[in-house]
Amino acid sequence: MPSGIHQVELDVPIDVIWGFVKDMDNWAPLVPNYIQHEKLSESQSSWEFKTDIGILKKKISLFIDIVEWSEPTKVCFTLTGKSERYSGEGFFEAKPLNTNKTRLTGFLNVNVHGKMAAPLNSKLETQLPESVKEMANAISLKLEELVGNK
């Protein structure tokens, strides 16, 4: 299953990170290829992304279900394609290193099912790690900006 994981160390207290990550409206626009999202309930949302996987360029719609909120350290979720045959899971995890320093880890795995699965999963193998890194870095920059403005 294609996956990506990325860690960053931030000079940001864990409670500031949790305050930011617990509300997806704060970080959703920082996800690569993000178009929009809508909260359907406290634990479910609908997301749209644009894809550019090889010759395939289209909009992908996914349901994201939060399966674990462990304040202030972890948020776990699953994803399911609305009409496309995608499935996966991911998490954000924050580990305090000291009072003002935190390690933030982002992880995502996605699997495509069906007749186009092999070439799409192969392309995701190379693209997903970079996308997770890009997302983690964007969230890190936003968090450092927030702390810098206080």
N, C-alpha and C. Protein backbone atom coordinates (compact mmCIF):
# COMPACT_ATOMS: atom_id res chain seq x y z
N MET A 1 0.84 -1.17 0.00
CA MET A 1 0.00 0.00 0.00
C MET A 1 0.89 1.23 0.00
N PRO A 2 0.70 2.16 -0.93
CA PRO A 2 1.52 3.38 -0.96
C PRO A 2 1.35 4.18 0.33
N SER A 3 2.47 4.66 0.88
CA SER A 3 2.39 5.43 2.12
C SER A 3 3.50 6.45 2.19
N GLY A 4 3.33 7.39 3.10
CA GLY A 4 4.33 8.40 3.36
C GLY A 4 4.27 8.79 4.82
N ILE A 5 5.44 9.09 5.38
CA ILE A 5 5.53 9.55 6.77
C ILE A 5 6.59 10.64 6.81
N HIS A 6 6.35 11.64 7.64
CA HIS A 6 7.34 12.72 7.77
C HIS A 6 7.27 13.27 9.18
N GLN A 7 8.45 13.55 9.75
CA GLN A 7 8.55 14.13 11.08
C GLN A 7 9.26 15.46 11.01
N VAL A 8 8.80 16.39 11.85
CA VAL A 8 9.47 17.68 12.00
C VAL A 8 9.52 18.01 13.48
N GLU A 9 10.59 18.67 13.88
CA GLU A 9 10.69 19.16 15.25
C GLU A 9 10.44 20.65 15.23
N LEU A 10 9.54 21.09 16.11
CA LEU A 10 9.11 22.48 16.14
C LEU A 10 9.39 23.11 17.49
N ASP A 11 9.74 24.37 17.48
CA ASP A 11 9.86 25.12 18.72
C ASP A 11 8.48 25.70 19.05
N VAL A 12 7.56 24.77 19.25
CA VAL A 12 6.16 25.11 19.51
C VAL A 12 5.66 24.16 20.61
N PRO A 13 5.02 24.69 21.65
CA PRO A 13 4.48 23.81 22.70
C PRO A 13 3.38 22.91 22.16
N ILE A 14 3.26 21.71 22.74
CA ILE A 14 2.29 20.73 22.26
C ILE A 14 0.85 21.25 22.33
N ASP A 15 0.52 22.07 23.33
CA ASP A 15 -0.86 22.56 23.43
C ASP A 15 -1.21 23.50 22.28
N VAL A 16 -0.23 24.23 21.76
CA VAL A 16 -0.47 25.09 20.60
C VAL A 16 -0.70 24.23 19.36
N ILE A 17 0.09 23.17 19.22
CA ILE A 17 -0.08 22.26 18.09
C ILE A 17 -1.46 21.61 18.15
N TRP A 18 -1.86 21.13 19.33
CA TRP A 18 -3.17 20.50 19.46
C TRP A 18 -4.29 21.50 19.13
N GLY A 19 -4.17 22.72 19.62
CA GLY A 19 -5.19 23.72 19.34
C GLY A 19 -5.37 23.96 17.86
N PHE A 20 -4.30 23.82 17.11
CA PHE A 20 -4.34 24.00 15.65
C PHE A 20 -4.86 22.75 14.94
N VAL A 21 -4.31 21.59 15.27
CA VAL A 21 -4.62 20.35 14.55
C VAL A 21 -6.04 19.86 14.84
N LYS A 22 -6.57 20.12 16.03
CA LYS A 22 -7.89 19.58 16.37
C LYS A 22 -9.01 20.16 15.52
N ASP A 23 -8.77 21.28 14.86
CA ASP A 23 -9.76 21.87 13.97
C ASP A 23 -9.26 21.79 12.53
N MET A 24 -9.85 20.89 11.75
CA MET A 24 -9.37 20.67 10.38
C MET A 24 -9.46 21.91 9.50
N ASP A 25 -10.33 22.86 9.86
CA ASP A 25 -10.41 24.09 9.08
C ASP A 25 -9.07 24.84 9.08
N ASN A 26 -8.28 24.64 10.13
CA ASN A 26 -6.97 25.31 10.22
C ASN A 26 -5.96 24.76 9.23
N TRP A 27 -5.95 23.45 9.05
CA TRP A 27 -4.87 22.84 8.27
C TRP A 27 -5.31 22.23 6.94
N ALA A 28 -6.61 22.04 6.73
CA ALA A 28 -7.08 21.42 5.48
C ALA A 28 -6.54 22.13 4.23
N PRO A 29 -6.59 23.46 4.17
CA PRO A 29 -6.09 24.13 2.96
C PRO A 29 -4.59 23.95 2.72
N LEU A 30 -3.87 23.42 3.71
CA LEU A 30 -2.43 23.21 3.57
C LEU A 30 -2.09 21.86 2.95
N VAL A 31 -3.09 21.01 2.77
CA VAL A 31 -2.88 19.69 2.18
C VAL A 31 -2.66 19.85 0.67
N PRO A 32 -1.62 19.24 0.11
CA PRO A 32 -1.37 19.36 -1.33
C PRO A 32 -2.58 18.96 -2.17
N ASN A 33 -2.84 19.73 -3.20
CA ASN A 33 -3.93 19.50 -4.16
C ASN A 33 -5.33 19.66 -3.58
N TYR A 34 -5.42 20.32 -2.44
CA TYR A 34 -6.70 20.57 -1.77
C TYR A 34 -7.57 21.49 -2.62
N ILE A 35 -8.86 21.14 -2.73
CA ILE A 35 -9.84 22.02 -3.36
C ILE A 35 -10.77 22.56 -2.29
N GLN A 36 -11.43 21.65 -1.56
CA GLN A 36 -12.35 22.07 -0.50
C GLN A 36 -12.67 20.90 0.42
N HIS A 37 -13.28 21.23 1.57
CA HIS A 37 -13.78 20.20 2.47
C HIS A 37 -15.05 20.71 3.14
N GLU A 38 -15.82 19.77 3.67
CA GLU A 38 -17.05 20.10 4.38
C GLU A 38 -17.17 19.16 5.57
N LYS A 39 -17.40 19.72 6.75
CA LYS A 39 -17.63 18.91 7.93
C LYS A 39 -19.06 18.38 7.88
N LEU A 40 -19.20 17.08 7.97
CA LEU A 40 -20.53 16.45 7.97
C LEU A 40 -21.00 16.16 9.40
N SER A 41 -20.04 15.95 10.29
CA SER A 41 -20.31 15.74 11.71
C SER A 41 -19.00 16.00 12.45
N GLU A 42 -19.00 15.76 13.75
CA GLU A 42 -17.76 15.95 14.52
C GLU A 42 -16.66 14.99 14.08
N SER A 43 -17.05 13.84 13.53
CA SER A 43 -16.04 12.85 13.18
C SER A 43 -15.95 12.54 11.69
N GLN A 44 -16.83 13.11 10.87
CA GLN A 44 -16.77 12.81 9.44
C GLN A 44 -16.78 14.09 8.62
N SER A 45 -16.01 14.06 7.54
CA SER A 45 -15.97 15.19 6.61
C SER A 45 -15.82 14.66 5.19
N SER A 46 -16.12 15.53 4.26
CA SER A 46 -16.01 15.22 2.84
C SER A 46 -14.96 16.16 2.26
N TRP A 47 -14.02 15.61 1.51
CA TRP A 47 -12.91 16.39 0.95
C TRP A 47 -12.85 16.22 -0.56
N GLU A 48 -12.36 17.25 -1.23
CA GLU A 48 -12.11 17.17 -2.66
C GLU A 48 -10.67 17.60 -2.94
N PHE A 49 -10.03 16.82 -3.81
CA PHE A 49 -8.66 17.09 -4.22
C PHE A 49 -8.58 17.02 -5.74
N LYS A 50 -7.63 17.74 -6.31
CA LYS A 50 -7.35 17.53 -7.72
C LYS A 50 -6.18 16.56 -7.79
N THR A 51 -6.24 15.66 -8.77
CA THR A 51 -5.17 14.68 -8.92
C THR A 51 -4.44 14.91 -10.22
N ASP A 52 -3.20 14.56 -10.20
CA ASP A 52 -2.37 14.61 -11.40
C ASP A 52 -1.43 13.42 -11.30
N ILE A 53 -2.00 12.24 -11.52
CA ILE A 53 -1.22 11.01 -11.43
C ILE A 53 -0.95 10.54 -12.86
N GLY A 54 0.22 10.86 -13.36
CA GLY A 54 0.57 10.50 -14.74
C GLY A 54 -0.35 11.22 -15.70
N ILE A 55 -1.05 10.48 -16.52
CA ILE A 55 -1.94 11.11 -17.50
C ILE A 55 -3.33 11.36 -16.91
N LEU A 56 -3.58 10.86 -15.70
CA LEU A 56 -4.86 11.01 -15.05
C LEU A 56 -4.94 12.35 -14.33
N LYS A 57 -5.83 13.21 -14.80
CA LYS A 57 -6.07 14.49 -14.15
C LYS A 57 -7.56 14.60 -13.90
N LYS A 58 -7.94 14.57 -12.62
CA LYS A 58 -9.36 14.65 -12.29
C LYS A 58 -9.53 15.06 -10.85
N LYS A 59 -10.78 15.24 -10.45
CA LYS A 59 -11.11 15.58 -9.08
C LYS A 59 -11.46 14.30 -8.34
N ILE A 60 -10.91 14.15 -7.15
CA ILE A 60 -11.17 12.99 -6.29
C ILE A 60 -11.95 13.46 -5.07
N SER A 61 -13.01 12.76 -4.74
CA SER A 61 -13.81 13.07 -3.55
C SER A 61 -13.68 11.94 -2.56
N LEU A 62 -13.39 12.29 -1.32
CA LEU A 62 -13.15 11.30 -0.26
C LEU A 62 -13.96 11.62 0.99
N PHE A 63 -14.34 10.59 1.71
CA PHE A 63 -14.86 10.75 3.06
C PHE A 63 -13.70 10.51 4.01
N ILE A 64 -13.55 11.39 4.99
CA ILE A 64 -12.55 11.23 6.03
C ILE A 64 -13.30 11.01 7.34
N ASP A 65 -12.99 9.90 8.01
CA ASP A 65 -13.61 9.59 9.31
C ASP A 65 -12.54 9.62 10.39
N ILE A 66 -12.75 10.45 11.40
CA ILE A 66 -11.84 10.49 12.55
C ILE A 66 -12.17 9.27 13.41
N VAL A 67 -11.19 8.43 13.65
CA VAL A 67 -11.41 7.21 14.43
C VAL A 67 -10.79 7.30 15.82
N GLU A 68 -9.94 8.32 16.06
CA GLU A 68 -9.34 8.49 17.38
C GLU A 68 -8.92 9.94 17.58
N TRP A 69 -9.37 10.52 18.69
CA TRP A 69 -8.89 11.81 19.16
C TRP A 69 -8.23 11.54 20.50
N SER A 70 -6.93 11.68 20.59
CA SER A 70 -6.22 11.48 21.86
C SER A 70 -5.51 12.77 22.23
N GLU A 71 -6.28 13.68 22.81
CA GLU A 71 -5.74 15.00 23.17
C GLU A 71 -4.63 14.86 24.18
N PRO A 72 -3.50 15.52 24.04
CA PRO A 72 -3.12 16.44 22.97
C PRO A 72 -2.13 15.82 21.97
N THR A 73 -2.15 14.50 21.86
CA THR A 73 -1.05 13.88 21.11
C THR A 73 -1.39 13.28 19.75
N LYS A 74 -2.63 12.82 19.54
CA LYS A 74 -2.84 12.05 18.31
C LYS A 74 -4.25 12.19 17.75
N VAL A 75 -4.32 12.27 16.42
CA VAL A 75 -5.57 12.22 15.67
C VAL A 75 -5.37 11.16 14.59
N CYS A 76 -6.25 10.14 14.57
CA CYS A 76 -6.19 9.08 13.56
C CYS A 76 -7.45 9.15 12.70
N PHE A 77 -7.30 8.82 11.44
CA PHE A 77 -8.44 8.88 10.53
C PHE A 77 -8.35 7.80 9.47
N THR A 78 -9.50 7.51 8.86
CA THR A 78 -9.56 6.64 7.69
C THR A 78 -10.10 7.47 6.54
N LEU A 79 -9.82 7.00 5.32
CA LEU A 79 -10.38 7.67 4.15
C LEU A 79 -10.97 6.62 3.23
N THR A 80 -12.05 7.04 2.56
CA THR A 80 -12.76 6.18 1.63
C THR A 80 -13.20 7.01 0.45
N GLY A 81 -12.99 6.52 -0.75
CA GLY A 81 -13.45 7.23 -1.93
C GLY A 81 -14.96 7.27 -2.00
N LYS A 82 -15.52 8.42 -2.39
CA LYS A 82 -16.98 8.52 -2.54
C LYS A 82 -17.44 7.68 -3.71
N SER A 83 -16.84 7.91 -4.86
CA SER A 83 -17.22 7.11 -6.04
C SER A 83 -16.01 6.36 -6.59
N GLU A 84 -14.81 6.87 -6.33
CA GLU A 84 -13.60 6.19 -6.74
C GLU A 84 -13.27 5.10 -5.72
N ARG A 85 -12.50 4.14 -6.13
CA ARG A 85 -12.17 3.01 -5.25
C ARG A 85 -10.84 3.27 -4.55
N TYR A 86 -10.88 4.17 -3.58
CA TYR A 86 -9.73 4.51 -2.76
C TYR A 86 -10.04 4.13 -1.33
N SER A 87 -9.00 3.73 -0.59
CA SER A 87 -9.13 3.53 0.84
C SER A 87 -7.78 3.85 1.47
N GLY A 88 -7.79 4.11 2.76
CA GLY A 88 -6.54 4.40 3.42
C GLY A 88 -6.74 4.86 4.84
N GLU A 89 -5.64 5.28 5.43
CA GLU A 89 -5.66 5.76 6.81
C GLU A 89 -4.46 6.66 7.04
N GLY A 90 -4.52 7.39 8.14
CA GLY A 90 -3.41 8.27 8.46
C GLY A 90 -3.52 8.77 9.88
N PHE A 91 -2.52 9.58 10.28
CA PHE A 91 -2.56 10.18 11.60
C PHE A 91 -1.64 11.39 11.66
N PHE A 92 -1.92 12.24 12.65
CA PHE A 92 -1.01 13.27 13.11
C PHE A 92 -0.69 12.88 14.53
N GLU A 93 0.60 12.95 14.87
CA GLU A 93 1.00 12.64 16.24
C GLU A 93 2.00 13.68 16.71
N ALA A 94 1.78 14.19 17.91
CA ALA A 94 2.68 15.17 18.51
C ALA A 94 3.29 14.57 19.77
N LYS A 95 4.61 14.69 19.87
CA LYS A 95 5.30 14.18 21.05
C LYS A 95 6.13 15.32 21.65
N PRO A 96 5.83 15.69 22.90
CA PRO A 96 6.61 16.78 23.50
C PRO A 96 8.05 16.34 23.75
N LEU A 97 8.99 17.17 23.34
CA LEU A 97 10.41 16.90 23.59
C LEU A 97 10.88 17.66 24.83
N ASN A 98 10.28 18.82 25.06
CA ASN A 98 10.41 19.58 26.29
C ASN A 98 9.23 20.55 26.32
N THR A 99 9.24 21.51 27.21
CA THR A 99 8.09 22.40 27.37
C THR A 99 7.73 23.16 26.10
N ASN A 100 8.73 23.56 25.34
CA ASN A 100 8.48 24.40 24.16
C ASN A 100 8.90 23.76 22.84
N LYS A 101 9.19 22.48 22.86
CA LYS A 101 9.62 21.81 21.63
C LYS A 101 8.82 20.51 21.47
N THR A 102 8.35 20.29 20.23
CA THR A 102 7.48 19.14 19.96
C THR A 102 7.88 18.50 18.64
N ARG A 103 7.82 17.18 18.61
CA ARG A 103 8.02 16.45 17.35
C ARG A 103 6.63 16.16 16.78
N LEU A 104 6.40 16.60 15.55
CA LEU A 104 5.13 16.36 14.87
C LEU A 104 5.36 15.35 13.76
N THR A 105 4.54 14.30 13.74
CA THR A 105 4.64 13.25 12.73
C THR A 105 3.33 13.19 11.96
N GLY A 106 3.45 13.16 10.65
CA GLY A 106 2.29 12.96 9.79
C GLY A 106 2.47 11.68 9.00
N PHE A 107 1.42 10.88 8.90
CA PHE A 107 1.47 9.62 8.18
C PHE A 107 0.20 9.46 7.36
N LEU A 108 0.35 8.92 6.15
CA LEU A 108 -0.80 8.65 5.29
C LEU A 108 -0.49 7.46 4.41
N ASN A 109 -1.45 6.54 4.31
CA ASN A 109 -1.34 5.50 3.29
C ASN A 109 -2.66 5.47 2.52
N VAL A 110 -2.55 5.23 1.24
CA VAL A 110 -3.70 5.23 0.34
C VAL A 110 -3.55 4.04 -0.59
N ASN A 111 -4.66 3.38 -0.87
CA ASN A 111 -4.64 2.25 -1.79
C ASN A 111 -5.76 2.43 -2.79
N VAL A 112 -5.44 2.24 -4.06
CA VAL A 112 -6.43 2.29 -5.13
C VAL A 112 -6.82 0.86 -5.45
N HIS A 113 -8.11 0.62 -5.65
CA HIS A 113 -8.62 -0.71 -5.97
C HIS A 113 -9.21 -0.69 -7.37
N GLY A 114 -9.31 -1.84 -8.00
CA GLY A 114 -9.95 -1.93 -9.30
C GLY A 114 -8.96 -2.13 -10.42
N LYS A 115 -9.45 -2.00 -11.65
CA LYS A 115 -8.63 -2.34 -12.81
C LYS A 115 -7.45 -1.40 -13.04
N MET A 116 -7.51 -0.17 -12.54
CA MET A 116 -6.40 0.77 -12.70
C MET A 116 -5.49 0.79 -11.46
N ALA A 117 -5.70 -0.13 -10.54
CA ALA A 117 -5.00 -0.11 -9.26
C ALA A 117 -3.48 -0.19 -9.42
N ALA A 118 -2.97 -1.13 -10.20
CA ALA A 118 -1.51 -1.33 -10.27
C ALA A 118 -0.77 -0.07 -10.73
N PRO A 119 -1.13 0.56 -11.86
CA PRO A 119 -0.37 1.74 -12.26
C PRO A 119 -0.59 2.94 -11.33
N LEU A 120 -1.80 3.09 -10.81
CA LEU A 120 -2.05 4.22 -9.91
C LEU A 120 -1.33 4.05 -8.58
N ASN A 121 -1.35 2.84 -8.02
CA ASN A 121 -0.63 2.60 -6.77
C ASN A 121 0.87 2.77 -6.97
N SER A 122 1.37 2.37 -8.12
CA SER A 122 2.80 2.54 -8.42
C SER A 122 3.17 4.03 -8.44
N LYS A 123 2.33 4.83 -9.05
CA LYS A 123 2.58 6.28 -9.10
C LYS A 123 2.47 6.90 -7.71
N LEU A 124 1.48 6.43 -6.92
CA LEU A 124 1.32 6.93 -5.56
C LEU A 124 2.53 6.59 -4.69
N GLU A 125 3.16 5.43 -4.95
CA GLU A 125 4.36 5.03 -4.19
C GLU A 125 5.42 6.12 -4.23
N THR A 126 5.55 6.79 -5.37
CA THR A 126 6.56 7.84 -5.49
C THR A 126 6.04 9.21 -5.07
N GLN A 127 4.74 9.47 -5.27
CA GLN A 127 4.21 10.80 -4.98
C GLN A 127 3.78 11.00 -3.53
N LEU A 128 3.27 9.97 -2.89
CA LEU A 128 2.73 10.13 -1.54
C LEU A 128 3.76 10.56 -0.50
N PRO A 129 4.96 10.00 -0.47
CA PRO A 129 5.94 10.49 0.52
C PRO A 129 6.23 11.99 0.38
N GLU A 130 6.33 12.46 -0.84
CA GLU A 130 6.59 13.89 -1.06
C GLU A 130 5.40 14.74 -0.64
N SER A 131 4.19 14.26 -0.90
CA SER A 131 2.98 14.99 -0.51
C SER A 131 2.87 15.09 1.01
N VAL A 132 3.17 14.00 1.71
CA VAL A 132 3.12 14.02 3.18
C VAL A 132 4.17 14.98 3.73
N LYS A 133 5.35 14.97 3.15
CA LYS A 133 6.40 15.90 3.57
C LYS A 133 5.97 17.34 3.33
N GLU A 134 5.40 17.60 2.17
CA GLU A 134 4.94 18.95 1.84
C GLU A 134 3.86 19.41 2.82
N MET A 135 2.92 18.52 3.15
CA MET A 135 1.86 18.86 4.09
C MET A 135 2.43 19.13 5.49
N ALA A 136 3.31 18.26 5.97
CA ALA A 136 3.90 18.44 7.31
C ALA A 136 4.69 19.73 7.38
N ASN A 137 5.43 20.05 6.34
CA ASN A 137 6.20 21.29 6.33
C ASN A 137 5.30 22.52 6.29
N ALA A 138 4.21 22.46 5.54
CA ALA A 138 3.27 23.58 5.47
C ALA A 138 2.61 23.81 6.83
N ILE A 139 2.21 22.73 7.49
CA ILE A 139 1.62 22.85 8.82
C ILE A 139 2.63 23.39 9.81
N SER A 140 3.87 22.93 9.72
CA SER A 140 4.94 23.41 10.61
C SER A 140 5.17 24.91 10.45
N LEU A 141 5.24 25.36 9.20
CA LEU A 141 5.44 26.79 8.94
C LEU A 141 4.29 27.61 9.50
N LYS A 142 3.07 27.13 9.33
CA LYS A 142 1.90 27.84 9.83
C LYS A 142 1.92 27.91 11.36
N LEU A 143 2.28 26.81 12.02
CA LEU A 143 2.37 26.79 13.46
C LEU A 143 3.46 27.74 13.98
N GLU A 144 4.61 27.72 13.33
CA GLU A 144 5.69 28.63 13.75
C GLU A 144 5.30 30.08 13.52
N GLU A 145 4.55 30.33 12.46
CA GLU A 145 4.04 31.68 12.21
C GLU A 145 3.08 32.11 13.31
N LEU A 146 2.19 31.21 13.72
CA LEU A 146 1.24 31.53 14.79
C LEU A 146 1.95 31.84 16.10
N VAL A 147 2.96 31.05 16.45
CA VAL A 147 3.70 31.26 17.69
C VAL A 147 4.51 32.56 17.59
N GLY A 148 5.04 32.85 16.43
CA GLY A 148 5.82 34.07 16.23
C GLY A 148 4.98 35.33 16.34
N ASN A 149 3.67 35.20 16.07
CA ASN A 149 2.78 36.37 16.11
C ASN A 149 2.21 36.63 17.48
N LYS A 150 2.54 35.77 18.46
CA LYS A 150 1.98 35.96 19.81
C LYS A 150 2.86 36.85 20.64
